[in-house]
């Protein structure tokens, strides 16, 4: 069974959303980019609505995130 984590969308650059762990800024690691359209479709919003959103996601075996949901 995969682990579910809280994340935040920092911003959208081109067709990519920059995602970080939803923790205090001093505890964050570097942002990781994911397809913004895929995330927007999963949560039922537009790509323009993503920056600043708090989401949950599943951590896959390769440490990539999937299964996006609004937090």
C-alpha atoms as a PDB file:
ATOM      1  CA  UNK A   1       0.000   0.000   0.000  1.00  0.00           C
ATOM      2  CA  UNK A   2       1.345   3.439  -0.885  1.00  0.00           C
ATOM      3  CA  UNK A   3       1.855   6.301   1.513  1.00  0.00           C
ATOM      4  CA  UNK A   4      -0.325   9.419   1.200  1.00  0.00           C
ATOM      5  CA  UNK A   5       1.422  12.792   1.671  1.00  0.00           C
ATOM      6  CA  UNK A   6       0.423  16.454   1.855  1.00  0.00           C
ATOM      7  CA  UNK A   7       1.925  18.669  -0.825  1.00  0.00           C
ATOM      8  CA  UNK A   8       1.634  22.237  -2.082  1.00  0.00           C
ATOM      9  CA  UNK A   9       1.753  23.603  -5.627  1.00  0.00           C
ATOM     10  CA  UNK A  10       4.227  26.475  -5.585  1.00  0.00           C
ATOM     11  CA  UNK A  11       3.738  27.644  -9.159  1.00  0.00           C
ATOM     12  CA  UNK A  12       3.200  26.570 -12.734  1.00  0.00           C
ATOM     13  CA  UNK A  13       6.035  26.989 -15.242  1.00  0.00           C
ATOM     14  CA  UNK A  14       4.969  26.272 -18.809  1.00  0.00           C
ATOM     15  CA  UNK A  15       3.160  22.944 -18.647  1.00  0.00           C
ATOM     16  CA  UNK A  16       4.773  21.867 -15.365  1.00  0.00           C
ATOM     17  CA  UNK A  17       3.642  22.402 -11.759  1.00  0.00           C
ATOM     18  CA  UNK A  18       6.321  22.758  -9.082  1.00  0.00           C
ATOM     19  CA  UNK A  19       5.371  20.611  -6.080  1.00  0.00           C
ATOM     20  CA  UNK A  20       6.861  20.626  -2.571  1.00  0.00           C
ATOM     21  CA  UNK A  21       5.991  18.895   0.684  1.00  0.00           C
ATOM     22  CA  UNK A  22       3.359  20.858   2.616  1.00  0.00           C
ATOM     23  CA  UNK A  23       5.654  21.584   5.550  1.00  0.00           C
ATOM     24  CA  UNK A  24       7.241  24.785   6.899  1.00  0.00           C
ATOM     25  CA  UNK A  25       9.523  26.413   4.309  1.00  0.00           C
ATOM     26  CA  UNK A  26      12.685  25.664   6.287  1.00  0.00           C
ATOM     27  CA  UNK A  27      11.894  21.919   6.142  1.00  0.00           C
ATOM     28  CA  UNK A  28      11.185  21.749   2.395  1.00  0.00           C
ATOM     29  CA  UNK A  29      13.384  20.124  -0.197  1.00  0.00           C
ATOM     30  CA  UNK A  30      13.752  21.306  -3.777  1.00  0.00           C
ATOM     31  CA  UNK A  31      10.519  21.440  -5.801  1.00  0.00           C
ATOM     32  CA  UNK A  32       9.749  18.552  -8.142  1.00  0.00           C
ATOM     33  CA  UNK A  33       7.922  19.130 -11.414  1.00  0.00           C
ATOM     34  CA  UNK A  34       4.839  17.233 -12.544  1.00  0.00           C
ATOM     35  CA  UNK A  35       2.508  17.676 -15.516  1.00  0.00           C
ATOM     36  CA  UNK A  36       0.187  20.524 -14.537  1.00  0.00           C
ATOM     37  CA  UNK A  37      -2.635  19.339 -16.815  1.00  0.00           C
ATOM     38  CA  UNK A  38      -2.633  15.897 -15.173  1.00  0.00           C
ATOM     39  CA  UNK A  39      -2.937  17.414 -11.694  1.00  0.00           C
ATOM     40  CA  UNK A  40      -5.605  19.919 -12.777  1.00  0.00           C
ATOM     41  CA  UNK A  41      -7.702  17.174 -14.362  1.00  0.00           C
ATOM     42  CA  UNK A  42      -7.397  14.960 -11.276  1.00  0.00           C
ATOM     43  CA  UNK A  43      -8.673  17.689  -8.940  1.00  0.00           C
ATOM     44  CA  UNK A  44     -11.260  19.164 -11.337  1.00  0.00           C
ATOM     45  CA  UNK A  45      -9.700  22.614 -11.718  1.00  0.00           C
ATOM     46  CA  UNK A  46      -7.832  24.541 -14.400  1.00  0.00           C
ATOM     47  CA  UNK A  47      -4.046  24.739 -14.590  1.00  0.00           C
ATOM     48  CA  UNK A  48      -4.315  28.443 -13.713  1.00  0.00           C
ATOM     49  CA  UNK A  49      -6.009  27.492 -10.409  1.00  0.00           C
ATOM     50  CA  UNK A  50      -3.121  25.261  -9.235  1.00  0.00           C
ATOM     51  CA  UNK A  51      -0.588  27.722  -7.733  1.00  0.00           C
ATOM     52  CA  UNK A  52      -0.964  27.816  -3.949  1.00  0.00           C
ATOM     53  CA  UNK A  53      -3.200  24.732  -3.733  1.00  0.00           C
ATOM     54  CA  UNK A  54      -2.698  22.185  -1.004  1.00  0.00           C
ATOM     55  CA  UNK A  55      -3.152  18.623  -2.209  1.00  0.00           C
ATOM     56  CA  UNK A  56      -2.616  15.055  -1.132  1.00  0.00           C
ATOM     57  CA  UNK A  57      -0.881  12.481  -3.304  1.00  0.00           C
ATOM     58  CA  UNK A  58       0.233   8.864  -3.221  1.00  0.00           C
ATOM     59  CA  UNK A  59       3.967   8.147  -3.112  1.00  0.00           C
ATOM     60  CA  UNK A  60       4.738   5.411  -5.645  1.00  0.00           C
ATOM     61  CA  UNK A  61       7.529   2.830  -5.370  1.00  0.00           C
ATOM     62  CA  UNK A  62       9.828   5.085  -7.433  1.00  0.00           C
ATOM     63  CA  UNK A  63       9.115   8.037  -5.065  1.00  0.00           C
ATOM     64  CA  UNK A  64       7.067   9.821  -7.734  1.00  0.00           C
ATOM     65  CA  UNK A  65       3.651  11.207  -6.775  1.00  0.00           C
ATOM     66  CA  UNK A  66       0.274  10.298  -8.257  1.00  0.00           C
ATOM     67  CA  UNK A  67      -3.371  10.066  -7.221  1.00  0.00           C
ATOM     68  CA  UNK A  68      -3.806  13.807  -6.680  1.00  0.00           C
ATOM     69  CA  UNK A  69      -6.676  15.052  -4.450  1.00  0.00           C
ATOM     70  CA  UNK A  70      -7.563  18.414  -2.920  1.00  0.00           C
ATOM     71  CA  UNK A  71      -6.469  18.519   0.705  1.00  0.00           C
END
